[in-house]
PDB file of N, CA and C in Angstrom:
ATOM      1  N   UNK A   1      24.743  16.349 -10.886  1.00  0.00           N
ATOM      2  CA  UNK A   1      24.092  16.071  -9.625  1.00  0.00           C
ATOM      3  C   UNK A   1      22.569  16.115  -9.768  1.00  0.00           C
ATOM      4  N   UNK A   2      22.079  17.093 -10.515  1.00  0.00           N
ATOM      5  CA  UNK A   2      20.640  17.224 -10.725  1.00  0.00           C
ATOM      6  C   UNK A   2      20.092  16.010 -11.470  1.00  0.00           C
ATOM      7  N   UNK A   3      20.854  15.536 -12.455  1.00  0.00           N
ATOM      8  CA  UNK A   3      20.432  14.371 -13.231  1.00  0.00           C
ATOM      9  C   UNK A   3      20.338  13.142 -12.321  1.00  0.00           C
ATOM     10  N   UNK A   4      21.291  12.985 -11.412  1.00  0.00           N
ATOM     11  CA  UNK A   4      21.272  11.854 -10.485  1.00  0.00           C
ATOM     12  C   UNK A   4      20.060  11.933  -9.551  1.00  0.00           C
ATOM     13  N   UNK A   5      19.740  13.130  -9.100  1.00  0.00           N
ATOM     14  CA  UNK A   5      18.583  13.314  -8.218  1.00  0.00           C
ATOM     15  C   UNK A   5      17.286  12.973  -8.953  1.00  0.00           C
ATOM     16  N   UNK A   6      17.168  13.436 -10.181  1.00  0.00           N
ATOM     17  CA  UNK A   6      15.972  13.142 -10.986  1.00  0.00           C
ATOM     18  C   UNK A   6      15.867  11.638 -11.240  1.00  0.00           C
ATOM     19  N   UNK A   7      16.985  11.006 -11.520  1.00  0.00           N
ATOM     20  CA  UNK A   7      16.986   9.553 -11.738  1.00  0.00           C
ATOM     21  C   UNK A   7      16.564   8.816 -10.470  1.00  0.00           C
ATOM     22  N   UNK A   8      17.076   9.253  -9.322  1.00  0.00           N
ATOM     23  CA  UNK A   8      16.687   8.642  -8.043  1.00  0.00           C
ATOM     24  C   UNK A   8      15.182   8.777  -7.813  1.00  0.00           C
ATOM     25  N   UNK A   9      14.647   9.979  -8.015  1.00  0.00           N
ATOM     26  CA  UNK A   9      13.213  10.220  -7.800  1.00  0.00           C
ATOM     27  C   UNK A   9      12.370   9.323  -8.696  1.00  0.00           C
ATOM     28  N   UNK A  10      12.760   9.232  -9.942  1.00  0.00           N
ATOM     29  CA  UNK A  10      12.030   8.407 -10.899  1.00  0.00           C
ATOM     30  C   UNK A  10      12.057   6.934 -10.486  1.00  0.00           C
ATOM     31  N   UNK A  11      13.226   6.471 -10.068  1.00  0.00           N
ATOM     32  CA  UNK A  11      13.371   5.078  -9.635  1.00  0.00           C
ATOM     33  C   UNK A  11      12.571   4.802  -8.365  1.00  0.00           C
ATOM     34  N   UNK A  12      12.632   5.705  -7.388  1.00  0.00           N
ATOM     35  CA  UNK A  12      11.910   5.526  -6.132  1.00  0.00           C
ATOM     36  C   UNK A  12      10.400   5.490  -6.370  1.00  0.00           C
ATOM     37  N   UNK A  13       9.899   6.376  -7.232  1.00  0.00           N
ATOM     38  CA  UNK A  13       8.468   6.397  -7.543  1.00  0.00           C
ATOM     39  C   UNK A  13       8.052   5.113  -8.249  1.00  0.00           C
ATOM     40  N   UNK A  14       8.850   4.692  -9.210  1.00  0.00           N
ATOM     41  CA  UNK A  14       8.551   3.481  -9.973  1.00  0.00           C
ATOM     42  C   UNK A  14       8.516   2.248  -9.057  1.00  0.00           C
ATOM     43  N   UNK A  15       9.478   2.148  -8.162  1.00  0.00           N
ATOM     44  CA  UNK A  15       9.523   1.002  -7.240  1.00  0.00           C
ATOM     45  C   UNK A  15       8.331   0.991  -6.292  1.00  0.00           C
ATOM     46  N   UNK A  16       7.993   2.145  -5.746  1.00  0.00           N
ATOM     47  CA  UNK A  16       6.860   2.224  -4.812  1.00  0.00           C
ATOM     48  C   UNK A  16       5.559   1.849  -5.520  1.00  0.00           C
ATOM     49  N   UNK A  17       5.379   2.357  -6.726  1.00  0.00           N
ATOM     50  CA  UNK A  17       4.164   2.021  -7.485  1.00  0.00           C
ATOM     51  C   UNK A  17       4.111   0.523  -7.772  1.00  0.00           C
ATOM     52  N   UNK A  18       5.222  -0.033  -8.222  1.00  0.00           N
ATOM     53  CA  UNK A  18       5.266  -1.465  -8.544  1.00  0.00           C
ATOM     54  C   UNK A  18       4.959  -2.312  -7.323  1.00  0.00           C
ATOM     55  N   UNK A  19       5.524  -1.948  -6.165  1.00  0.00           N
ATOM     56  CA  UNK A  19       5.269  -2.719  -4.947  1.00  0.00           C
ATOM     57  C   UNK A  19       3.793  -2.681  -4.558  1.00  0.00           C
ATOM     58  N   UNK A  20       3.169  -1.500  -4.647  1.00  0.00           N
ATOM     59  CA  UNK A  20       1.749  -1.382  -4.296  1.00  0.00           C
ATOM     60  C   UNK A  20       0.887  -2.177  -5.268  1.00  0.00           C
ATOM     61  N   UNK A  21       1.162  -2.044  -6.552  1.00  0.00           N
ATOM     62  CA  UNK A  21       0.372  -2.774  -7.553  1.00  0.00           C
ATOM     63  C   UNK A  21       0.566  -4.286  -7.418  1.00  0.00           C
ATOM     64  N   UNK A  22       1.805  -4.716  -7.201  1.00  0.00           N
ATOM     65  CA  UNK A  22       2.073  -6.148  -7.033  1.00  0.00           C
ATOM     66  C   UNK A  22       1.382  -6.697  -5.787  1.00  0.00           C
ATOM     67  N   UNK A  23       1.403  -5.923  -4.707  1.00  0.00           N
ATOM     68  CA  UNK A  23       0.746  -6.368  -3.480  1.00  0.00           C
ATOM     69  C   UNK A  23      -0.741  -6.569  -3.735  1.00  0.00           C
ATOM     70  N   UNK A  24      -1.384  -5.604  -4.385  1.00  0.00           N
ATOM     71  CA  UNK A  24      -2.816  -5.720  -4.701  1.00  0.00           C
ATOM     72  C   UNK A  24      -3.094  -6.928  -5.603  1.00  0.00           C
ATOM     73  N   UNK A  25      -2.223  -7.143  -6.572  1.00  0.00           N
ATOM     74  CA  UNK A  25      -2.429  -8.228  -7.537  1.00  0.00           C
ATOM     75  C   UNK A  25      -2.396  -9.604  -6.876  1.00  0.00           C
ATOM     76  N   UNK A  26      -1.689  -9.718  -5.768  1.00  0.00           N
ATOM     77  CA  UNK A  26      -1.580 -11.006  -5.075  1.00  0.00           C
ATOM     78  C   UNK A  26      -2.810 -11.335  -4.225  1.00  0.00           C
ATOM     79  N   UNK A  27      -3.645 -10.347  -3.977  1.00  0.00           N
ATOM     80  CA  UNK A  27      -4.788 -10.536  -3.085  1.00  0.00           C
ATOM     81  C   UNK A  27      -6.008 -11.029  -3.856  1.00  0.00           C
ATOM     82  N   UNK A  28      -6.828 -11.836  -3.165  1.00  0.00           N
ATOM     83  CA  UNK A  28      -8.031 -12.371  -3.779  1.00  0.00           C
ATOM     84  C   UNK A  28      -9.220 -12.124  -2.871  1.00  0.00           C
ATOM     85  N   UNK A  29     -10.311 -11.654  -3.464  1.00  0.00           N
ATOM     86  CA  UNK A  29     -11.535 -11.417  -2.705  1.00  0.00           C
ATOM     87  C   UNK A  29     -11.926 -12.712  -1.985  1.00  0.00           C
ATOM     88  N   UNK A  30     -12.267 -12.563  -0.708  1.00  0.00           N
ATOM     89  CA  UNK A  30     -12.670 -13.711   0.101  1.00  0.00           C
ATOM     90  C   UNK A  30     -11.553 -14.312   0.941  1.00  0.00           C
ATOM     91  N   UNK A  31     -10.306 -13.903   0.691  1.00  0.00           N
ATOM     92  CA  UNK A  31      -9.202 -14.448   1.488  1.00  0.00           C
ATOM     93  C   UNK A  31      -9.207 -13.838   2.890  1.00  0.00           C
ATOM     94  N   UNK A  32      -8.576 -14.500   3.823  1.00  0.00           N
ATOM     95  CA  UNK A  32      -8.474 -14.020   5.206  1.00  0.00           C
ATOM     96  C   UNK A  32      -7.568 -12.793   5.256  1.00  0.00           C
ATOM     97  N   UNK A  33      -8.041 -11.720   5.907  1.00  0.00           N
ATOM     98  CA  UNK A  33      -7.241 -10.491   5.975  1.00  0.00           C
ATOM     99  C   UNK A  33      -6.358 -10.434   7.231  1.00  0.00           C
ATOM    100  N   UNK A  34      -6.492 -11.400   8.113  1.00  0.00           N
ATOM    101  CA  UNK A  34      -5.730 -11.393   9.364  1.00  0.00           C
ATOM    102  C   UNK A  34      -4.235 -11.156   9.204  1.00  0.00           C
ATOM    103  N   UNK A  35      -3.568 -11.890   8.309  1.00  0.00           N
ATOM    104  CA  UNK A  35      -2.113 -11.724   8.182  1.00  0.00           C
ATOM    105  C   UNK A  35      -1.668 -10.615   7.221  1.00  0.00           C
ATOM    106  N   UNK A  36      -2.599  -9.837   6.694  1.00  0.00           N
ATOM    107  CA  UNK A  36      -2.218  -8.879   5.650  1.00  0.00           C
ATOM    108  C   UNK A  36      -1.269  -7.784   6.113  1.00  0.00           C
ATOM    109  N   UNK A  37      -1.439  -7.272   7.316  1.00  0.00           N
ATOM    110  CA  UNK A  37      -0.538  -6.199   7.752  1.00  0.00           C
ATOM    111  C   UNK A  37       0.903  -6.708   7.834  1.00  0.00           C
ATOM    112  N   UNK A  38       1.107  -7.868   8.428  1.00  0.00           N
ATOM    113  CA  UNK A  38       2.468  -8.423   8.513  1.00  0.00           C
ATOM    114  C   UNK A  38       3.023  -8.718   7.124  1.00  0.00           C
ATOM    115  N   UNK A  39       2.165  -9.215   6.265  1.00  0.00           N
ATOM    116  CA  UNK A  39       2.580  -9.492   4.886  1.00  0.00           C
ATOM    117  C   UNK A  39       2.971  -8.195   4.180  1.00  0.00           C
ATOM    118  N   UNK A  40       2.225  -7.131   4.431  1.00  0.00           N
ATOM    119  CA  UNK A  40       2.524  -5.822   3.830  1.00  0.00           C
ATOM    120  C   UNK A  40       3.868  -5.295   4.321  1.00  0.00           C
ATOM    121  N   UNK A  41       4.112  -5.402   5.614  1.00  0.00           N
ATOM    122  CA  UNK A  41       5.383  -4.921   6.162  1.00  0.00           C
ATOM    123  C   UNK A  41       6.550  -5.729   5.610  1.00  0.00           C
ATOM    124  N   UNK A  42       6.351  -7.027   5.447  1.00  0.00           N
ATOM    125  CA  UNK A  42       7.394  -7.867   4.845  1.00  0.00           C
ATOM    126  C   UNK A  42       7.685  -7.449   3.401  1.00  0.00           C
ATOM    127  N   UNK A  43       6.673  -6.915   2.726  1.00  0.00           N
ATOM    128  CA  UNK A  43       6.832  -6.477   1.329  1.00  0.00           C
ATOM    129  C   UNK A  43       7.462  -5.083   1.230  1.00  0.00           C
ATOM    130  N   UNK A  44       7.685  -4.433   2.383  1.00  0.00           N
ATOM    131  CA  UNK A  44       8.333  -3.126   2.380  1.00  0.00           C
ATOM    132  C   UNK A  44       7.404  -1.949   2.607  1.00  0.00           C
ATOM    133  N   UNK A  45       6.155  -2.206   3.000  1.00  0.00           N
ATOM    134  CA  UNK A  45       5.208  -1.113   3.257  1.00  0.00           C
ATOM    135  C   UNK A  45       5.645  -0.319   4.489  1.00  0.00           C
ATOM    136  N   UNK A  46       5.207   0.924   4.551  1.00  0.00           N
ATOM    137  CA  UNK A  46       5.521   1.807   5.679  1.00  0.00           C
ATOM    138  C   UNK A  46       4.803   1.345   6.938  1.00  0.00           C
ATOM    139  N   UNK A  47       5.558   1.080   7.991  1.00  0.00           N
ATOM    140  CA  UNK A  47       4.969   0.651   9.256  1.00  0.00           C
ATOM    141  C   UNK A  47       4.107   1.754   9.860  1.00  0.00           C
ATOM    142  N   UNK A  48       4.543   2.979   9.721  1.00  0.00           N
ATOM    143  CA  UNK A  48       3.826   4.123  10.300  1.00  0.00           C
ATOM    144  C   UNK A  48       2.490   4.389   9.593  1.00  0.00           C
ATOM    145  N   UNK A  49       2.427   4.123   8.305  1.00  0.00           N
ATOM    146  CA  UNK A  49       1.239   4.468   7.530  1.00  0.00           C
ATOM    147  C   UNK A  49       0.334   3.281   7.209  1.00  0.00           C
ATOM    148  N   UNK A  50       0.796   2.078   7.475  1.00  0.00           N
ATOM    149  CA  UNK A  50       0.018   0.876   7.174  1.00  0.00           C
ATOM    150  C   UNK A  50      -0.609   0.356   8.461  1.00  0.00           C
ATOM    151  N   UNK A  51      -1.814   0.831   8.736  1.00  0.00           N
ATOM    152  CA  UNK A  51      -2.524   0.463   9.958  1.00  0.00           C
ATOM    153  C   UNK A  51      -4.001   0.279   9.644  1.00  0.00           C
ATOM    154  N   UNK A  52      -4.627  -0.691  10.306  1.00  0.00           N
ATOM    155  CA  UNK A  52      -6.066  -0.880  10.135  1.00  0.00           C
ATOM    156  C   UNK A  52      -6.801   0.338  10.684  1.00  0.00           C
ATOM    157  N   UNK A  53      -7.772   0.802   9.920  1.00  0.00           N
ATOM    158  CA  UNK A  53      -8.588   1.953  10.322  1.00  0.00           C
ATOM    159  C   UNK A  53     -10.031   1.470  10.446  1.00  0.00           C
ATOM    160  N   UNK A  54     -10.618   1.758  11.602  1.00  0.00           N
ATOM    161  CA  UNK A  54     -11.985   1.315  11.883  1.00  0.00           C
ATOM    162  C   UNK A  54     -12.899   2.526  11.984  1.00  0.00           C
ATOM    163  N   UNK A  55     -13.912   2.561  11.111  1.00  0.00           N
ATOM    164  CA  UNK A  55     -14.899   3.635  11.093  1.00  0.00           C
ATOM    165  C   UNK A  55     -16.267   2.984  11.320  1.00  0.00           C
ATOM    166  N   UNK A  56     -17.057   3.500  12.256  1.00  0.00           N
ATOM    167  CA  UNK A  56     -18.366   2.897  12.515  1.00  0.00           C
ATOM    168  C   UNK A  56     -19.193   2.744  11.228  1.00  0.00           C
ATOM    169  N   UNK A  57     -19.869   1.616  11.124  1.00  0.00           N
ATOM    170  CA  UNK A  57     -20.768   1.303  10.004  1.00  0.00           C
ATOM    171  C   UNK A  57     -20.053   1.175   8.657  1.00  0.00           C
ATOM    172  N   UNK A  58     -18.746   0.935   8.684  1.00  0.00           N
ATOM    173  CA  UNK A  58     -17.991   0.696   7.453  1.00  0.00           C
ATOM    174  C   UNK A  58     -17.064  -0.493   7.665  1.00  0.00           C
ATOM    175  N   UNK A  59     -16.676  -1.117   6.576  1.00  0.00           N
ATOM    176  CA  UNK A  59     -15.719  -2.217   6.665  1.00  0.00           C
ATOM    177  C   UNK A  59     -14.357  -1.670   7.063  1.00  0.00           C
ATOM    178  N   UNK A  60     -13.600  -2.415   7.860  1.00  0.00           N
ATOM    179  CA  UNK A  60     -12.251  -1.963   8.205  1.00  0.00           C
ATOM    180  C   UNK A  60     -11.421  -1.742   6.937  1.00  0.00           C
ATOM    181  N   UNK A  61     -10.522  -0.760   7.013  1.00  0.00           N
ATOM    182  CA  UNK A  61      -9.702  -0.364   5.870  1.00  0.00           C
ATOM    183  C   UNK A  61      -8.231  -0.437   6.252  1.00  0.00           C
ATOM    184  N   UNK A  62      -7.438  -1.020   5.373  1.00  0.00           N
ATOM    185  CA  UNK A  62      -5.989  -1.093   5.561  1.00  0.00           C
ATOM    186  C   UNK A  62      -5.317  -0.443   4.358  1.00  0.00           C
ATOM    187  N   UNK A  63      -4.779   0.776   4.532  1.00  0.00           N
ATOM    188  CA  UNK A  63      -4.024   1.390   3.443  1.00  0.00           C
ATOM    189  C   UNK A  63      -2.580   0.869   3.470  1.00  0.00           C
ATOM    190  N   UNK A  64      -2.286  -0.090   2.615  1.00  0.00           N
ATOM    191  CA  UNK A  64      -0.931  -0.650   2.532  1.00  0.00           C
ATOM    192  C   UNK A  64      -0.110   0.352   1.734  1.00  0.00           C
ATOM    193  N   UNK A  65       0.741   1.102   2.441  1.00  0.00           N
ATOM    194  CA  UNK A  65       1.374   2.290   1.874  1.00  0.00           C
ATOM    195  C   UNK A  65       2.866   2.100   1.601  1.00  0.00           C
ATOM    196  N   UNK A  66       3.236   2.388   0.359  1.00  0.00           N
ATOM    197  CA  UNK A  66       4.632   2.377  -0.065  1.00  0.00           C
ATOM    198  C   UNK A  66       4.986   3.807  -0.445  1.00  0.00           C
ATOM    199  N   UNK A  67       5.977   4.378   0.221  1.00  0.00           N
ATOM    200  CA  UNK A  67       6.349   5.771   0.002  1.00  0.00           C
ATOM    201  C   UNK A  67       7.278   5.892  -1.196  1.00  0.00           C
ATOM    202  N   UNK A  68       7.004   6.916  -2.022  1.00  0.00           N
ATOM    203  CA  UNK A  68       7.836   7.176  -3.195  1.00  0.00           C
ATOM    204  C   UNK A  68       9.063   7.990  -2.825  1.00  0.00           C
ATOM    205  N   UNK A  69       9.478   8.881  -3.701  1.00  0.00           N
ATOM    206  CA  UNK A  69      10.698   9.666  -3.499  1.00  0.00           C
ATOM    207  C   UNK A  69      10.581  10.621  -2.314  1.00  0.00           C
ATOM    208  N   UNK A  70       9.396  11.104  -2.054  1.00  0.00           N
ATOM    209  CA  UNK A  70       9.177  12.053  -0.959  1.00  0.00           C
ATOM    210  C   UNK A  70       8.044  11.544  -0.082  1.00  0.00           C
ATOM    211  N   UNK A  71       8.031  11.915   1.179  1.00  0.00           N
ATOM    212  CA  UNK A  71       7.030  11.429   2.123  1.00  0.00           C
ATOM    213  C   UNK A  71       5.594  11.646   1.659  1.00  0.00           C
ATOM    214  N   UNK A  72       5.241  12.799   1.076  1.00  0.00           N
ATOM    215  CA  UNK A  72       3.846  12.956   0.653  1.00  0.00           C
ATOM    216  C   UNK A  72       3.442  12.063  -0.524  1.00  0.00           C
ATOM    217  N   UNK A  73       4.407  11.503  -1.225  1.00  0.00           N
ATOM    218  CA  UNK A  73       4.111  10.646  -2.376  1.00  0.00           C
ATOM    219  C   UNK A  73       3.864   9.231  -1.887  1.00  0.00           C
ATOM    220  N   UNK A  74       2.591   8.817  -1.917  1.00  0.00           N
ATOM    221  CA  UNK A  74       2.242   7.502  -1.386  1.00  0.00           C
ATOM    222  C   UNK A  74       1.531   6.667  -2.446  1.00  0.00           C
ATOM    223  N   UNK A  75       2.034   5.465  -2.623  1.00  0.00           N
ATOM    224  CA  UNK A  75       1.423   4.483  -3.517  1.00  0.00           C
ATOM    225  C   UNK A  75       0.771   3.459  -2.593  1.00  0.00           C
ATOM    226  N   UNK A  76      -0.537   3.271  -2.745  1.00  0.00           N
ATOM    227  CA  UNK A  76      -1.305   2.513  -1.760  1.00  0.00           C
ATOM    228  C   UNK A  76      -2.064   1.364  -2.415  1.00  0.00           C
ATOM    229  N   UNK A  77      -2.021   0.225  -1.753  1.00  0.00           N
ATOM    230  CA  UNK A  77      -2.955  -0.852  -2.058  1.00  0.00           C
ATOM    231  C   UNK A  77      -4.041  -0.708  -0.991  1.00  0.00           C
ATOM    232  N   UNK A  78      -5.188  -0.210  -1.396  1.00  0.00           N
ATOM    233  CA  UNK A  78      -6.293   0.067  -0.475  1.00  0.00           C
ATOM    234  C   UNK A  78      -7.114  -1.207  -0.266  1.00  0.00           C
ATOM    235  N   UNK A  79      -7.055  -1.744   0.952  1.00  0.00           N
ATOM    236  CA  UNK A  79      -7.683  -3.021   1.286  1.00  0.00           C
ATOM    237  C   UNK A  79      -8.867  -2.785   2.218  1.00  0.00           C
ATOM    238  N   UNK A  80     -10.008  -3.413   1.924  1.00  0.00           N
ATOM    239  CA  UNK A  80     -11.148  -3.363   2.840  1.00  0.00           C
ATOM    240  C   UNK A  80     -11.637  -4.776   3.121  1.00  0.00           C
ATOM    241  N   UNK A  81     -12.140  -4.943   4.347  1.00  0.00           N
ATOM    242  CA  UNK A  81     -12.748  -6.215   4.705  1.00  0.00           C
ATOM    243  C   UNK A  81     -12.269  -6.759   6.019  1.00  0.00           C
ATOM    244  N   UNK A  82     -13.135  -7.521   6.648  1.00  0.00           N
ATOM    245  CA  UNK A  82     -12.808  -8.230   7.881  1.00  0.00           C
ATOM    246  C   UNK A  82     -13.966  -9.149   8.220  1.00  0.00           C
ATOM    247  N   UNK A  83     -13.760 -10.380   8.426  1.00  0.00           N
ATOM    248  CA  UNK A  83     -12.490 -11.114   8.430  1.00  0.00           C
ATOM    249  C   UNK A  83     -12.014 -11.525   7.041  1.00  0.00           C
ATOM    250  N   UNK A  84     -12.844 -11.324   6.024  1.00  0.00           N
ATOM    251  CA  UNK A  84     -12.476 -11.697   4.654  1.00  0.00           C
ATOM    252  C   UNK A  84     -12.300 -10.450   3.788  1.00  0.00           C
ATOM    253  N   UNK A  85     -11.438 -10.563   2.793  1.00  0.00           N
ATOM    254  CA  UNK A  85     -11.161  -9.449   1.886  1.00  0.00           C
ATOM    255  C   UNK A  85     -12.386  -9.133   1.023  1.00  0.00           C
ATOM    256  N   UNK A  86     -12.766  -7.867   1.011  1.00  0.00           N
ATOM    257  CA  UNK A  86     -13.863  -7.399   0.170  1.00  0.00           C
ATOM    258  C   UNK A  86     -13.306  -6.774  -1.106  1.00  0.00           C
ATOM    259  N   UNK A  87     -12.276  -5.942  -0.961  1.00  0.00           N
ATOM    260  CA  UNK A  87     -11.687  -5.313  -2.144  1.00  0.00           C
ATOM    261  C   UNK A  87     -10.239  -4.915  -1.886  1.00  0.00           C
ATOM    262  N   UNK A  88      -9.504  -4.795  -2.984  1.00  0.00           N
ATOM    263  CA  UNK A  88      -8.119  -4.308  -2.948  1.00  0.00           C
ATOM    264  C   UNK A  88      -7.887  -3.577  -4.257  1.00  0.00           C
ATOM    265  N   UNK A  89      -7.499  -2.296  -4.166  1.00  0.00           N
ATOM    266  CA  UNK A  89      -7.252  -1.532  -5.384  1.00  0.00           C
ATOM    267  C   UNK A  89      -6.086  -0.576  -5.172  1.00  0.00           C
ATOM    268  N   UNK A  90      -5.389  -0.298  -6.272  1.00  0.00           N
ATOM    269  CA  UNK A  90      -4.251   0.622  -6.237  1.00  0.00           C
ATOM    270  C   UNK A  90      -4.750   2.071  -6.233  1.00  0.00           C
ATOM    271  N   UNK A  91      -4.133   2.892  -5.363  1.00  0.00           N
ATOM    272  CA  UNK A  91      -4.466   4.313  -5.269  1.00  0.00           C
ATOM    273  C   UNK A  91      -3.152   5.083  -5.132  1.00  0.00           C
ATOM    274  N   UNK A  92      -3.056   6.232  -5.833  1.00  0.00           N
ATOM    275  CA  UNK A  92      -1.885   7.099  -5.677  1.00  0.00           C
ATOM    276  C   UNK A  92      -2.312   8.366  -4.949  1.00  0.00           C
ATOM    277  N   UNK A  93      -1.568   8.713  -3.913  1.00  0.00           N
ATOM    278  CA  UNK A  93      -1.854   9.904  -3.135  1.00  0.00           C
ATOM    279  C   UNK A  93      -0.613  10.786  -3.136  1.00  0.00           C
ATOM    280  N   UNK A  94      -0.776  12.028  -3.547  1.00  0.00           N
ATOM    281  CA  UNK A  94       0.369  12.927  -3.608  1.00  0.00           C
ATOM    282  C   UNK A  94       0.084  14.177  -2.813  1.00  0.00           C
TER     283      UNK A  94
END
């Protein structure tokens, strides 16, 4: 049973990381960011954690979040920009 649990955790982490990295790889600087949230949700990102964040004097940020084996384990394609993409990079948050 323990071996199965460890295998599940490893698989869940690997899938979440791959999804976040693949999502980032598909994005290109200068593209329109309008449809990105819907595109992220279609790719399996967490609806609860994938939301545009607006901070005064900063570019809007969209953490496209794919959860690993446990809720605190988050694989993120960190997107900034509006109306055009400025950057997209993979980030792991545990």
